[in-house]
């Protein structure tokens, strides 16, 4: 029953969403119908109508997804328009290079504190480490950064 109606379903989707999305929607529909075959009507006419009902719901989900993505993109554009522009690509390269040269666990703590704005207690939660360990690693990282940046200024 599923394969007999596949061409009709593909045409159904092509007329509604075009050639790019139609095959994916057909696959989603057939997968859903296959999982729900225990409730598939025995009568061929009823089964075909049931299958198109599944296709219709798949199409509605697809359209809702497009709407959600569009709304999200609009919100992101609004937020980006209201924020300060990003610094130039080469701004702070010495600092970034010094952070990248740190031990990976120290570098992540510095990034979470200074780039993402978390407190050391929050970083401890994020990294699932004791707060005292994070404070200690942060102090070590600051010392290494200070030394690396002083060496850069002297050169």
C-alpha atoms as a PDB file:
ATOM      1  CA  UNK A   1       0.000   0.000   0.000  1.00  0.00           C
ATOM      2  CA  UNK A   2       2.808   2.420   0.796  1.00  0.00           C
ATOM      3  CA  UNK A   3       4.794   1.904  -2.382  1.00  0.00           C
ATOM      4  CA  UNK A   4       1.671   1.925  -4.559  1.00  0.00           C
ATOM      5  CA  UNK A   5       0.899   5.483  -3.444  1.00  0.00           C
ATOM      6  CA  UNK A   6       4.446   6.835  -3.355  1.00  0.00           C
ATOM      7  CA  UNK A   7       4.266   8.485  -6.801  1.00  0.00           C
ATOM      8  CA  UNK A   8       0.949  10.162  -5.960  1.00  0.00           C
ATOM      9  CA  UNK A   9       2.330  11.391  -2.653  1.00  0.00           C
ATOM     10  CA  UNK A  10       5.443  12.749  -4.339  1.00  0.00           C
ATOM     11  CA  UNK A  11       3.272  14.697  -6.781  1.00  0.00           C
ATOM     12  CA  UNK A  12       1.206  15.940  -3.822  1.00  0.00           C
ATOM     13  CA  UNK A  13       4.322  17.317  -2.166  1.00  0.00           C
ATOM     14  CA  UNK A  14       5.845  18.703  -5.383  1.00  0.00           C
ATOM     15  CA  UNK A  15       2.708  20.740  -6.035  1.00  0.00           C
ATOM     16  CA  UNK A  16       2.892  22.212  -2.551  1.00  0.00           C
ATOM     17  CA  UNK A  17       6.599  22.669  -1.763  1.00  0.00           C
ATOM     18  CA  UNK A  18       8.498  22.157  -5.015  1.00  0.00           C
ATOM     19  CA  UNK A  19      11.101  19.655  -6.089  1.00  0.00           C
ATOM     20  CA  UNK A  20      13.708  20.423  -3.422  1.00  0.00           C
ATOM     21  CA  UNK A  21      11.721  19.463  -0.323  1.00  0.00           C
ATOM     22  CA  UNK A  22       9.219  16.999  -1.806  1.00  0.00           C
ATOM     23  CA  UNK A  23      11.448  13.876  -1.614  1.00  0.00           C
ATOM     24  CA  UNK A  24      12.289  14.527   2.030  1.00  0.00           C
ATOM     25  CA  UNK A  25       8.636  15.005   2.924  1.00  0.00           C
ATOM     26  CA  UNK A  26       7.757  11.820   1.060  1.00  0.00           C
ATOM     27  CA  UNK A  27      10.399   9.923   3.024  1.00  0.00           C
ATOM     28  CA  UNK A  28       9.090  11.342   6.316  1.00  0.00           C
ATOM     29  CA  UNK A  29       5.543  10.409   5.368  1.00  0.00           C
ATOM     30  CA  UNK A  30       6.440   6.869   4.382  1.00  0.00           C
ATOM     31  CA  UNK A  31       8.496   6.389   7.532  1.00  0.00           C
ATOM     32  CA  UNK A  32       5.630   7.610   9.710  1.00  0.00           C
ATOM     33  CA  UNK A  33       3.127   5.433   7.838  1.00  0.00           C
ATOM     34  CA  UNK A  34       5.418   2.412   8.081  1.00  0.00           C
ATOM     35  CA  UNK A  35       5.712   2.854  11.856  1.00  0.00           C
ATOM     36  CA  UNK A  36       1.934   3.149  12.102  1.00  0.00           C
ATOM     37  CA  UNK A  37       0.996   0.229   9.824  1.00  0.00           C
ATOM     38  CA  UNK A  38      -0.923  -1.480  12.657  1.00  0.00           C
ATOM     39  CA  UNK A  39      -3.572   1.259  12.359  1.00  0.00           C
ATOM     40  CA  UNK A  40      -3.539   1.340   8.541  1.00  0.00           C
ATOM     41  CA  UNK A  41      -7.091   0.697   7.276  1.00  0.00           C
ATOM     42  CA  UNK A  42      -7.577  -2.539   5.340  1.00  0.00           C
ATOM     43  CA  UNK A  43      -9.759  -1.016   2.635  1.00  0.00           C
ATOM     44  CA  UNK A  44      -7.495   0.345  -0.169  1.00  0.00           C
ATOM     45  CA  UNK A  45      -9.523   3.549  -0.576  1.00  0.00           C
ATOM     46  CA  UNK A  46      -9.536   4.256   3.141  1.00  0.00           C
ATOM     47  CA  UNK A  47      -5.859   3.372   3.370  1.00  0.00           C
ATOM     48  CA  UNK A  48      -5.034   5.834   0.583  1.00  0.00           C
ATOM     49  CA  UNK A  49      -7.015   8.584   2.315  1.00  0.00           C
ATOM     50  CA  UNK A  50      -5.307   7.725   5.629  1.00  0.00           C
ATOM     51  CA  UNK A  51      -1.910   7.915   3.916  1.00  0.00           C
ATOM     52  CA  UNK A  52      -2.721  11.343   2.477  1.00  0.00           C
ATOM     53  CA  UNK A  53      -3.785  12.405   5.972  1.00  0.00           C
ATOM     54  CA  UNK A  54      -0.338  11.443   7.212  1.00  0.00           C
ATOM     55  CA  UNK A  55       1.159  13.388   4.291  1.00  0.00           C
ATOM     56  CA  UNK A  56      -0.942  16.430   5.164  1.00  0.00           C
ATOM     57  CA  UNK A  57       0.271  16.368   8.768  1.00  0.00           C
ATOM     58  CA  UNK A  58       3.860  15.976   7.562  1.00  0.00           C
ATOM     59  CA  UNK A  59       3.375  19.033   5.347  1.00  0.00           C
ATOM     60  CA  UNK A  60       1.930  21.048   8.242  1.00  0.00           C
ATOM     61  CA  UNK A  61       4.925  20.120  10.424  1.00  0.00           C
ATOM     62  CA  UNK A  62       7.257  21.159   7.613  1.00  0.00           C
ATOM     63  CA  UNK A  63       5.549  24.544   7.301  1.00  0.00           C
ATOM     64  CA  UNK A  64       5.634  25.092  11.072  1.00  0.00           C
ATOM     65  CA  UNK A  65       9.349  24.334  11.015  1.00  0.00           C
ATOM     66  CA  UNK A  66       9.889  26.938   8.301  1.00  0.00           C
ATOM     67  CA  UNK A  67       7.916  29.485  10.316  1.00  0.00           C
ATOM     68  CA  UNK A  68       9.940  28.731  13.469  1.00  0.00           C
ATOM     69  CA  UNK A  69      13.226  29.085  11.588  1.00  0.00           C
ATOM     70  CA  UNK A  70      12.075  32.343   9.991  1.00  0.00           C
ATOM     71  CA  UNK A  71      11.015  33.793  13.352  1.00  0.00           C
ATOM     72  CA  UNK A  72      14.297  32.713  14.916  1.00  0.00           C
ATOM     73  CA  UNK A  73      16.293  34.261  12.069  1.00  0.00           C
ATOM     74  CA  UNK A  74      14.316  37.501  12.469  1.00  0.00           C
ATOM     75  CA  UNK A  75      15.050  37.556  16.207  1.00  0.00           C
ATOM     76  CA  UNK A  76      18.753  36.911  15.581  1.00  0.00           C
ATOM     77  CA  UNK A  77      18.868  39.719  13.003  1.00  0.00           C
ATOM     78  CA  UNK A  78      17.169  42.064  15.490  1.00  0.00           C
ATOM     79  CA  UNK A  79      19.640  41.184  18.228  1.00  0.00           C
ATOM     80  CA  UNK A  80      22.617  41.540  15.889  1.00  0.00           C
ATOM     81  CA  UNK A  81      21.377  44.905  14.664  1.00  0.00           C
ATOM     82  CA  UNK A  82      21.061  46.175  18.226  1.00  0.00           C
ATOM     83  CA  UNK A  83      24.502  45.052  19.410  1.00  0.00           C
ATOM     84  CA  UNK A  84      27.847  46.684  18.902  1.00  0.00           C
ATOM     85  CA  UNK A  85      29.689  45.518  15.833  1.00  0.00           C
ATOM     86  CA  UNK A  86      32.282  42.815  16.343  1.00  0.00           C
ATOM     87  CA  UNK A  87      35.846  44.001  16.729  1.00  0.00           C
ATOM     88  CA  UNK A  88      38.155  43.827  13.756  1.00  0.00           C
ATOM     89  CA  UNK A  89      39.439  40.333  12.993  1.00  0.00           C
ATOM     90  CA  UNK A  90      42.976  41.217  14.029  1.00  0.00           C
ATOM     91  CA  UNK A  91      41.996  43.038  17.242  1.00  0.00           C
ATOM     92  CA  UNK A  92      43.481  41.327  20.279  1.00  0.00           C
ATOM     93  CA  UNK A  93      45.479  38.727  18.378  1.00  0.00           C
ATOM     94  CA  UNK A  94      48.237  38.817  20.971  1.00  0.00           C
ATOM     95  CA  UNK A  95      45.756  38.036  23.729  1.00  0.00           C
ATOM     96  CA  UNK A  96      44.062  35.288  21.699  1.00  0.00           C
ATOM     97  CA  UNK A  97      47.418  33.755  20.833  1.00  0.00           C
ATOM     98  CA  UNK A  98      48.413  33.837  24.518  1.00  0.00           C
ATOM     99  CA  UNK A  99      45.132  32.178  25.527  1.00  0.00           C
ATOM    100  CA  UNK A 100      45.537  29.529  22.817  1.00  0.00           C
ATOM    101  CA  UNK A 101      49.035  28.794  24.120  1.00  0.00           C
ATOM    102  CA  UNK A 102      47.661  27.975  27.585  1.00  0.00           C
ATOM    103  CA  UNK A 103      46.921  24.465  28.734  1.00  0.00           C
ATOM    104  CA  UNK A 104      43.479  23.598  27.336  1.00  0.00           C
ATOM    105  CA  UNK A 105      41.752  23.492  30.742  1.00  0.00           C
ATOM    106  CA  UNK A 106      43.208  26.891  31.695  1.00  0.00           C
ATOM    107  CA  UNK A 107      42.271  28.384  28.340  1.00  0.00           C
ATOM    108  CA  UNK A 108      38.670  27.203  28.647  1.00  0.00           C
ATOM    109  CA  UNK A 109      38.334  28.769  32.092  1.00  0.00           C
ATOM    110  CA  UNK A 110      39.674  32.090  30.790  1.00  0.00           C
ATOM    111  CA  UNK A 111      37.329  31.979  27.790  1.00  0.00           C
ATOM    112  CA  UNK A 112      34.282  31.157  29.916  1.00  0.00           C
ATOM    113  CA  UNK A 113      35.061  33.966  32.367  1.00  0.00           C
ATOM    114  CA  UNK A 114      36.144  36.700  29.969  1.00  0.00           C
ATOM    115  CA  UNK A 115      34.397  35.879  26.701  1.00  0.00           C
ATOM    116  CA  UNK A 116      31.169  34.338  27.956  1.00  0.00           C
ATOM    117  CA  UNK A 117      30.853  36.366  31.166  1.00  0.00           C
ATOM    118  CA  UNK A 118      30.513  33.536  33.686  1.00  0.00           C
ATOM    119  CA  UNK A 119      31.649  33.729  37.288  1.00  0.00           C
ATOM    120  CA  UNK A 120      34.218  31.248  38.562  1.00  0.00           C
ATOM    121  CA  UNK A 121      31.464  29.459  40.500  1.00  0.00           C
ATOM    122  CA  UNK A 122      29.439  29.103  37.314  1.00  0.00           C
ATOM    123  CA  UNK A 123      32.505  27.884  35.434  1.00  0.00           C
ATOM    124  CA  UNK A 124      32.999  25.250  38.119  1.00  0.00           C
ATOM    125  CA  UNK A 125      29.433  24.066  37.505  1.00  0.00           C
ATOM    126  CA  UNK A 126      29.866  24.105  33.726  1.00  0.00           C
ATOM    127  CA  UNK A 127      33.106  22.132  33.868  1.00  0.00           C
ATOM    128  CA  UNK A 128      31.848  19.910  36.698  1.00  0.00           C
ATOM    129  CA  UNK A 129      34.890  20.672  38.824  1.00  0.00           C
ATOM    130  CA  UNK A 130      35.287  21.857  42.387  1.00  0.00           C
ATOM    131  CA  UNK A 131      35.219  25.641  42.697  1.00  0.00           C
ATOM    132  CA  UNK A 132      38.585  25.623  44.469  1.00  0.00           C
ATOM    133  CA  UNK A 133      40.160  23.786  41.517  1.00  0.00           C
ATOM    134  CA  UNK A 134      38.717  26.272  39.051  1.00  0.00           C
ATOM    135  CA  UNK A 135      39.930  29.231  41.147  1.00  0.00           C
ATOM    136  CA  UNK A 136      43.399  27.694  41.325  1.00  0.00           C
ATOM    137  CA  UNK A 137      43.525  27.031  37.571  1.00  0.00           C
ATOM    138  CA  UNK A 138      42.260  30.538  36.873  1.00  0.00           C
ATOM    139  CA  UNK A 139      45.035  32.053  38.997  1.00  0.00           C
ATOM    140  CA  UNK A 140      47.611  29.926  37.189  1.00  0.00           C
ATOM    141  CA  UNK A 141      46.162  30.934  33.826  1.00  0.00           C
ATOM    142  CA  UNK A 142      46.313  34.632  34.721  1.00  0.00           C
ATOM    143  CA  UNK A 143      49.954  34.273  35.714  1.00  0.00           C
ATOM    144  CA  UNK A 144      50.832  32.485  32.452  1.00  0.00           C
ATOM    145  CA  UNK A 145      48.947  35.099  30.447  1.00  0.00           C
ATOM    146  CA  UNK A 146      50.675  37.932  32.269  1.00  0.00           C
ATOM    147  CA  UNK A 147      54.075  36.408  31.508  1.00  0.00           C
ATOM    148  CA  UNK A 148      53.211  35.721  27.863  1.00  0.00           C
ATOM    149  CA  UNK A 149      51.849  39.206  27.269  1.00  0.00           C
ATOM    150  CA  UNK A 150      54.764  40.896  29.032  1.00  0.00           C
ATOM    151  CA  UNK A 151      57.112  38.938  26.759  1.00  0.00           C
ATOM    152  CA  UNK A 152      55.147  40.165  23.739  1.00  0.00           C
ATOM    153  CA  UNK A 153      55.373  43.818  24.834  1.00  0.00           C
ATOM    154  CA  UNK A 154      59.123  43.539  25.474  1.00  0.00           C
ATOM    155  CA  UNK A 155      59.791  42.075  22.001  1.00  0.00           C
END
